[in-house]
């Protein structure tokens, strides 16, 4: 996947990966900004929060 954020200096290829991970048995997701968001009760809730996080980030840059 190819993409560039506004703060990136040059285009580069990005590869999607599973953003949801377990830390000490709890579910979190990792962001491009190197934050760990969570914990969440289920993978479905984590996926919902990923979409909400993306929407917030896009709204900030708009």
PDB file of N, CA and C in Angstrom:
ATOM      1  N   UNK A   1       0.848  -1.173   0.000  1.00  0.00           N
ATOM      2  CA  UNK A   1       0.000   0.000   0.000  1.00  0.00           C
ATOM      3  C   UNK A   1       0.889   1.229   0.000  1.00  0.00           C
ATOM      4  N   UNK A   2       0.552   2.187  -0.808  1.00  0.00           N
ATOM      5  CA  UNK A   2       1.307   3.421  -0.894  1.00  0.00           C
ATOM      6  C   UNK A   2       0.512   4.533  -0.244  1.00  0.00           C
ATOM      7  N   UNK A   3       1.174   5.366   0.513  1.00  0.00           N
ATOM      8  CA  UNK A   3       0.475   6.473   1.146  1.00  0.00           C
ATOM      9  C   UNK A   3       1.445   7.442   1.755  1.00  0.00           C
ATOM     10  N   UNK A   4       0.982   8.672   1.934  1.00  0.00           N
ATOM     11  CA  UNK A   4       1.819   9.689   2.526  1.00  0.00           C
ATOM     12  C   UNK A   4       0.978  10.565   3.429  1.00  0.00           C
ATOM     13  N   UNK A   5       1.454  10.764   4.639  1.00  0.00           N
ATOM     14  CA  UNK A   5       0.801  11.680   5.562  1.00  0.00           C
ATOM     15  C   UNK A   5       1.352  13.078   5.320  1.00  0.00           C
ATOM     16  N   UNK A   6       0.639  14.090   5.747  1.00  0.00           N
ATOM     17  CA  UNK A   6       1.047  15.474   5.519  1.00  0.00           C
ATOM     18  C   UNK A   6       2.427  15.765   6.104  1.00  0.00           C
ATOM     19  N   UNK A   7       2.756  15.167   7.247  1.00  0.00           N
ATOM     20  CA  UNK A   7       4.030  15.451   7.893  1.00  0.00           C
ATOM     21  C   UNK A   7       5.187  14.595   7.357  1.00  0.00           C
ATOM     22  N   UNK A   8       4.915  13.639   6.478  1.00  0.00           N
ATOM     23  CA  UNK A   8       5.965  12.824   5.886  1.00  0.00           C
ATOM     24  C   UNK A   8       6.736  13.638   4.857  1.00  0.00           C
ATOM     25  N   UNK A   9       8.051  13.483   4.853  1.00  0.00           N
ATOM     26  CA  UNK A   9       8.867  14.266   3.936  1.00  0.00           C
ATOM     27  C   UNK A   9       8.953  13.661   2.546  1.00  0.00           C
ATOM     28  N   UNK A  10       8.808  12.358   2.414  1.00  0.00           N
ATOM     29  CA  UNK A  10       8.913  11.714   1.105  1.00  0.00           C
ATOM     30  C   UNK A  10       7.940  10.544   1.041  1.00  0.00           C
ATOM     31  N   UNK A  11       7.445  10.235  -0.169  1.00  0.00           N
ATOM     32  CA  UNK A  11       6.544   9.077  -0.293  1.00  0.00           C
ATOM     33  C   UNK A  11       7.264   7.785   0.073  1.00  0.00           C
ATOM     34  N   UNK A  12       6.529   6.846   0.623  1.00  0.00           N
ATOM     35  CA  UNK A  12       7.102   5.545   0.932  1.00  0.00           C
ATOM     36  C   UNK A  12       6.005   4.506   0.932  1.00  0.00           C
ATOM     37  N   UNK A  13       6.388   3.280   0.823  1.00  0.00           N
ATOM     38  CA  UNK A  13       5.424   2.190   0.819  1.00  0.00           C
ATOM     39  C   UNK A  13       5.122   1.786   2.255  1.00  0.00           C
ATOM     40  N   UNK A  14       3.848   1.644   2.547  1.00  0.00           N
ATOM     41  CA  UNK A  14       3.418   1.192   3.873  1.00  0.00           C
ATOM     42  C   UNK A  14       2.702  -0.138   3.709  1.00  0.00           C
ATOM     43  N   UNK A  15       2.930  -1.019   4.627  1.00  0.00           N
ATOM     44  CA  UNK A  15       2.289  -2.316   4.604  1.00  0.00           C
ATOM     45  C   UNK A  15       1.332  -2.406   5.771  1.00  0.00           C
ATOM     46  N   UNK A  16       0.097  -2.797   5.476  1.00  0.00           N
ATOM     47  CA  UNK A  16      -0.885  -2.960   6.541  1.00  0.00           C
ATOM     48  C   UNK A  16      -0.546  -4.207   7.351  1.00  0.00           C
ATOM     49  N   UNK A  17      -0.813  -4.112   8.623  1.00  0.00           N
ATOM     50  CA  UNK A  17      -0.636  -5.267   9.498  1.00  0.00           C
ATOM     51  C   UNK A  17      -1.788  -5.272  10.490  1.00  0.00           C
ATOM     52  N   UNK A  18      -1.892  -6.342  11.209  1.00  0.00           N
ATOM     53  CA  UNK A  18      -2.929  -6.427  12.221  1.00  0.00           C
ATOM     54  C   UNK A  18      -2.595  -5.432  13.324  1.00  0.00           C
ATOM     55  N   UNK A  19      -3.429  -4.454  13.511  1.00  0.00           N
ATOM     56  CA  UNK A  19      -3.166  -3.409  14.503  1.00  0.00           C
ATOM     57  C   UNK A  19      -3.552  -3.830  15.906  1.00  0.00           C
ATOM     58  N   UNK A  20      -4.358  -4.876  16.028  1.00  0.00           N
ATOM     59  CA  UNK A  20      -4.815  -5.313  17.348  1.00  0.00           C
ATOM     60  C   UNK A  20      -3.814  -6.314  17.907  1.00  0.00           C
ATOM     61  N   UNK A  21      -3.413  -6.083  19.163  1.00  0.00           N
ATOM     62  CA  UNK A  21      -2.461  -6.994  19.800  1.00  0.00           C
ATOM     63  C   UNK A  21      -2.871  -7.201  21.255  1.00  0.00           C
ATOM     64  N   UNK A  22      -2.307  -8.212  21.863  1.00  0.00           N
ATOM     65  CA  UNK A  22      -2.555  -8.494  23.279  1.00  0.00           C
ATOM     66  C   UNK A  22      -1.324  -8.130  24.084  1.00  0.00           C
ATOM     67  N   UNK A  23      -1.554  -7.429  25.180  1.00  0.00           N
ATOM     68  CA  UNK A  23      -0.498  -7.091  26.123  1.00  0.00           C
ATOM     69  C   UNK A  23      -1.000  -7.520  27.488  1.00  0.00           C
ATOM     70  N   UNK A  24      -0.306  -8.458  28.091  1.00  0.00           N
ATOM     71  CA  UNK A  24      -0.719  -9.012  29.384  1.00  0.00           C
ATOM     72  C   UNK A  24      -2.173  -9.476  29.356  1.00  0.00           C
ATOM     73  N   UNK A  25      -2.573 -10.076  28.238  1.00  0.00           N
ATOM     74  CA  UNK A  25      -3.911 -10.632  28.111  1.00  0.00           C
ATOM     75  C   UNK A  25      -4.998  -9.632  27.746  1.00  0.00           C
ATOM     76  N   UNK A  26      -4.636  -8.350  27.597  1.00  0.00           N
ATOM     77  CA  UNK A  26      -5.624  -7.329  27.250  1.00  0.00           C
ATOM     78  C   UNK A  26      -5.419  -6.884  25.799  1.00  0.00           C
ATOM     79  N   UNK A  27      -6.519  -6.484  25.138  1.00  0.00           N
ATOM     80  CA  UNK A  27      -6.464  -6.074  23.736  1.00  0.00           C
ATOM     81  C   UNK A  27      -6.198  -4.575  23.602  1.00  0.00           C
ATOM     82  N   UNK A  28      -5.260  -4.248  22.715  1.00  0.00           N
ATOM     83  CA  UNK A  28      -4.894  -2.873  22.410  1.00  0.00           C
ATOM     84  C   UNK A  28      -4.730  -2.757  20.900  1.00  0.00           C
ATOM     85  N   UNK A  29      -4.644  -1.517  20.397  1.00  0.00           N
ATOM     86  CA  UNK A  29      -4.203  -1.334  19.022  1.00  0.00           C
ATOM     87  C   UNK A  29      -3.090  -0.305  18.985  1.00  0.00           C
ATOM     88  N   UNK A  30      -2.198  -0.481  18.016  1.00  0.00           N
ATOM     89  CA  UNK A  30      -1.045   0.389  17.833  1.00  0.00           C
ATOM     90  C   UNK A  30      -1.348   1.393  16.728  1.00  0.00           C
ATOM     91  N   UNK A  31      -0.832   2.602  16.874  1.00  0.00           N
ATOM     92  CA  UNK A  31      -1.046   3.640  15.875  1.00  0.00           C
ATOM     93  C   UNK A  31       0.259   3.991  15.184  1.00  0.00           C
ATOM     94  N   UNK A  32       0.161   4.683  14.050  1.00  0.00           N
ATOM     95  CA  UNK A  32       1.350   5.174  13.350  1.00  0.00           C
ATOM     96  C   UNK A  32       2.118   6.173  14.208  1.00  0.00           C
ATOM     97  N   UNK A  33       1.414   6.802  15.127  1.00  0.00           N
ATOM     98  CA  UNK A  33       2.049   7.783  16.000  1.00  0.00           C
ATOM     99  C   UNK A  33       2.743   7.122  17.191  1.00  0.00           C
ATOM    100  N   UNK A  34       2.835   5.805  17.157  1.00  0.00           N
ATOM    101  CA  UNK A  34       3.483   5.002  18.201  1.00  0.00           C
ATOM    102  C   UNK A  34       2.797   5.107  19.555  1.00  0.00           C
ATOM    103  N   UNK A  35       1.465   5.126  19.526  1.00  0.00           N
ATOM    104  CA  UNK A  35       0.719   5.048  20.777  1.00  0.00           C
ATOM    105  C   UNK A  35       0.033   3.695  20.846  1.00  0.00           C
ATOM    106  N   UNK A  36      -0.229   3.264  22.034  1.00  0.00           N
ATOM    107  CA  UNK A  36      -0.930   2.005  22.277  1.00  0.00           C
ATOM    108  C   UNK A  36      -2.269   2.369  22.900  1.00  0.00           C
ATOM    109  N   UNK A  37      -3.353   2.131  22.178  1.00  0.00           N
ATOM    110  CA  UNK A  37      -4.688   2.532  22.613  1.00  0.00           C
ATOM    111  C   UNK A  37      -5.431   1.328  23.185  1.00  0.00           C
ATOM    112  N   UNK A  38      -6.124   1.514  24.296  1.00  0.00           N
ATOM    113  CA  UNK A  38      -6.889   0.437  24.904  1.00  0.00           C
ATOM    114  C   UNK A  38      -6.778   0.495  26.403  1.00  0.00           C
ATOM    115  N   UNK A  39      -7.110  -0.550  27.086  1.00  0.00           N
ATOM    116  CA  UNK A  39      -7.501  -1.886  26.632  1.00  0.00           C
ATOM    117  C   UNK A  39      -8.976  -1.946  26.233  1.00  0.00           C
ATOM    118  N   UNK A  40      -9.300  -2.972  25.446  1.00  0.00           N
ATOM    119  CA  UNK A  40     -10.652  -3.193  24.953  1.00  0.00           C
ATOM    120  C   UNK A  40     -11.131  -4.565  25.384  1.00  0.00           C
ATOM    121  N   UNK A  41     -12.458  -4.690  25.527  1.00  0.00           N
ATOM    122  CA  UNK A  41     -13.062  -5.941  25.988  1.00  0.00           C
ATOM    123  C   UNK A  41     -13.071  -7.030  24.928  1.00  0.00           C
ATOM    124  N   UNK A  42     -13.082  -6.619  23.644  1.00  0.00           N
ATOM    125  CA  UNK A  42     -13.155  -7.604  22.565  1.00  0.00           C
ATOM    126  C   UNK A  42     -12.448  -7.061  21.328  1.00  0.00           C
ATOM    127  N   UNK A  43     -12.135  -7.955  20.407  1.00  0.00           N
ATOM    128  CA  UNK A  43     -11.511  -7.551  19.144  1.00  0.00           C
ATOM    129  C   UNK A  43     -12.466  -6.667  18.348  1.00  0.00           C
ATOM    130  N   UNK A  44     -13.760  -6.946  18.429  1.00  0.00           N
ATOM    131  CA  UNK A  44     -14.747  -6.136  17.720  1.00  0.00           C
ATOM    132  C   UNK A  44     -14.755  -4.700  18.240  1.00  0.00           C
ATOM    133  N   UNK A  45     -14.693  -4.537  19.551  1.00  0.00           N
ATOM    134  CA  UNK A  45     -14.659  -3.195  20.146  1.00  0.00           C
ATOM    135  C   UNK A  45     -13.369  -2.479  19.743  1.00  0.00           C
ATOM    136  N   UNK A  46     -12.263  -3.193  19.708  1.00  0.00           N
ATOM    137  CA  UNK A  46     -10.992  -2.596  19.285  1.00  0.00           C
ATOM    138  C   UNK A  46     -11.092  -2.116  17.841  1.00  0.00           C
ATOM    139  N   UNK A  47     -11.700  -2.916  16.959  1.00  0.00           N
ATOM    140  CA  UNK A  47     -11.868  -2.527  15.556  1.00  0.00           C
ATOM    141  C   UNK A  47     -12.748  -1.284  15.435  1.00  0.00           C
ATOM    142  N   UNK A  48     -13.794  -1.194  16.242  1.00  0.00           N
ATOM    143  CA  UNK A  48     -14.649  -0.002  16.239  1.00  0.00           C
ATOM    144  C   UNK A  48     -13.857   1.234  16.656  1.00  0.00           C
ATOM    145  N   UNK A  49     -13.035   1.061  17.677  1.00  0.00           N
ATOM    146  CA  UNK A  49     -12.241   2.175  18.170  1.00  0.00           C
ATOM    147  C   UNK A  49     -11.143   2.575  17.188  1.00  0.00           C
ATOM    148  N   UNK A  50     -10.636   1.617  16.421  1.00  0.00           N
ATOM    149  CA  UNK A  50      -9.668   1.941  15.367  1.00  0.00           C
ATOM    150  C   UNK A  50     -10.323   2.881  14.354  1.00  0.00           C
ATOM    151  N   UNK A  51     -11.538   2.546  13.927  1.00  0.00           N
ATOM    152  CA  UNK A  51     -12.245   3.385  12.966  1.00  0.00           C
ATOM    153  C   UNK A  51     -12.516   4.778  13.543  1.00  0.00           C
ATOM    154  N   UNK A  52     -12.881   4.843  14.815  1.00  0.00           N
ATOM    155  CA  UNK A  52     -13.125   6.135  15.463  1.00  0.00           C
ATOM    156  C   UNK A  52     -11.828   6.940  15.560  1.00  0.00           C
ATOM    157  N   UNK A  53     -10.722   6.273  15.863  1.00  0.00           N
ATOM    158  CA  UNK A  53      -9.425   6.937  15.954  1.00  0.00           C
ATOM    159  C   UNK A  53      -9.027   7.521  14.596  1.00  0.00           C
ATOM    160  N   UNK A  54      -9.197   6.731  13.534  1.00  0.00           N
ATOM    161  CA  UNK A  54      -8.875   7.202  12.178  1.00  0.00           C
ATOM    162  C   UNK A  54      -9.716   8.424  11.837  1.00  0.00           C
ATOM    163  N   UNK A  55     -10.993   8.387  12.144  1.00  0.00           N
ATOM    164  CA  UNK A  55     -11.880   9.527  11.877  1.00  0.00           C
ATOM    165  C   UNK A  55     -11.413  10.777  12.627  1.00  0.00           C
ATOM    166  N   UNK A  56     -11.003  10.617  13.894  1.00  0.00           N
ATOM    167  CA  UNK A  56     -10.503  11.768  14.667  1.00  0.00           C
ATOM    168  C   UNK A  56      -9.233  12.340  14.056  1.00  0.00           C
ATOM    169  N   UNK A  57      -8.323  11.476  13.637  1.00  0.00           N
ATOM    170  CA  UNK A  57      -7.066  11.930  13.042  1.00  0.00           C
ATOM    171  C   UNK A  57      -7.318  12.653  11.720  1.00  0.00           C
ATOM    172  N   UNK A  58      -8.237  12.145  10.917  1.00  0.00           N
ATOM    173  CA  UNK A  58      -8.563  12.789   9.648  1.00  0.00           C
ATOM    174  C   UNK A  58      -9.243  14.129   9.874  1.00  0.00           C
ATOM    175  N   UNK A  59     -10.076  14.240  10.907  1.00  0.00           N
ATOM    176  CA  UNK A  59     -10.747  15.495  11.210  1.00  0.00           C
ATOM    177  C   UNK A  59      -9.746  16.550  11.661  1.00  0.00           C
ATOM    178  N   UNK A  60      -8.701  16.150  12.368  1.00  0.00           N
ATOM    179  CA  UNK A  60      -7.678  17.086  12.834  1.00  0.00           C
ATOM    180  C   UNK A  60      -6.899  17.688  11.677  1.00  0.00           C
ATOM    181  N   UNK A  61      -6.675  16.904  10.635  1.00  0.00           N
ATOM    182  CA  UNK A  61      -5.876  17.380   9.500  1.00  0.00           C
ATOM    183  C   UNK A  61      -6.718  18.079   8.450  1.00  0.00           C
ATOM    184  N   UNK A  62      -8.035  18.005   8.589  1.00  0.00           N
ATOM    185  CA  UNK A  62      -8.925  18.632   7.576  1.00  0.00           C
ATOM    186  C   UNK A  62      -9.095  20.117   7.819  1.00  0.00           C
TER     187      UNK A  62
END
